[in-house]
Amino acid sequence: MPQITVDHSATLTPSFDRAAFARDLHAATVEIAAARPEACKTQFRAAEHTAFGYEDGGHAVVHVTIGLLAGRTPEVKSELTAAVLELLKKHLAGLGADGLVLHASAEVRDLDPSYTKFER
């Protein structure tokens, strides 16, 4: 915990410094949601094809999901999603000059009580 997943259009890969984004996102999660730095885990998943409405092409999508153990207030969750969107703006700042429209979103959700893990 936290379990972070970043789903994004593959067209973003060349301009998305994922390592820097993850570092900044982990720092924000520690500061805002009181997570432990060593507990932050982020996976990036690039989608080869993205469709938007009736259009095929010209759009890119990125959605960040953060799963936290239950107990954070709605205010903390809102502050964290706002921070995620600001970090996406920062780390995708050069995007759009080529006419690509970016659709970015984020959500923070409680992990199910059945969540468990192990480490080796």
Foldseek 3Di string as FASTA:
>chain_A
DWEKEKEKAPVCVVQFPPVVLQVQLLVLCCVLVVDDSVVDDYDYHHDPFDDDDPDGDLEMEIEMEIEDAPDDDPVSFVVSFVSSVVSCCVSNVVPCPVNRHYDYGYGYDYDPPVDDDDDD
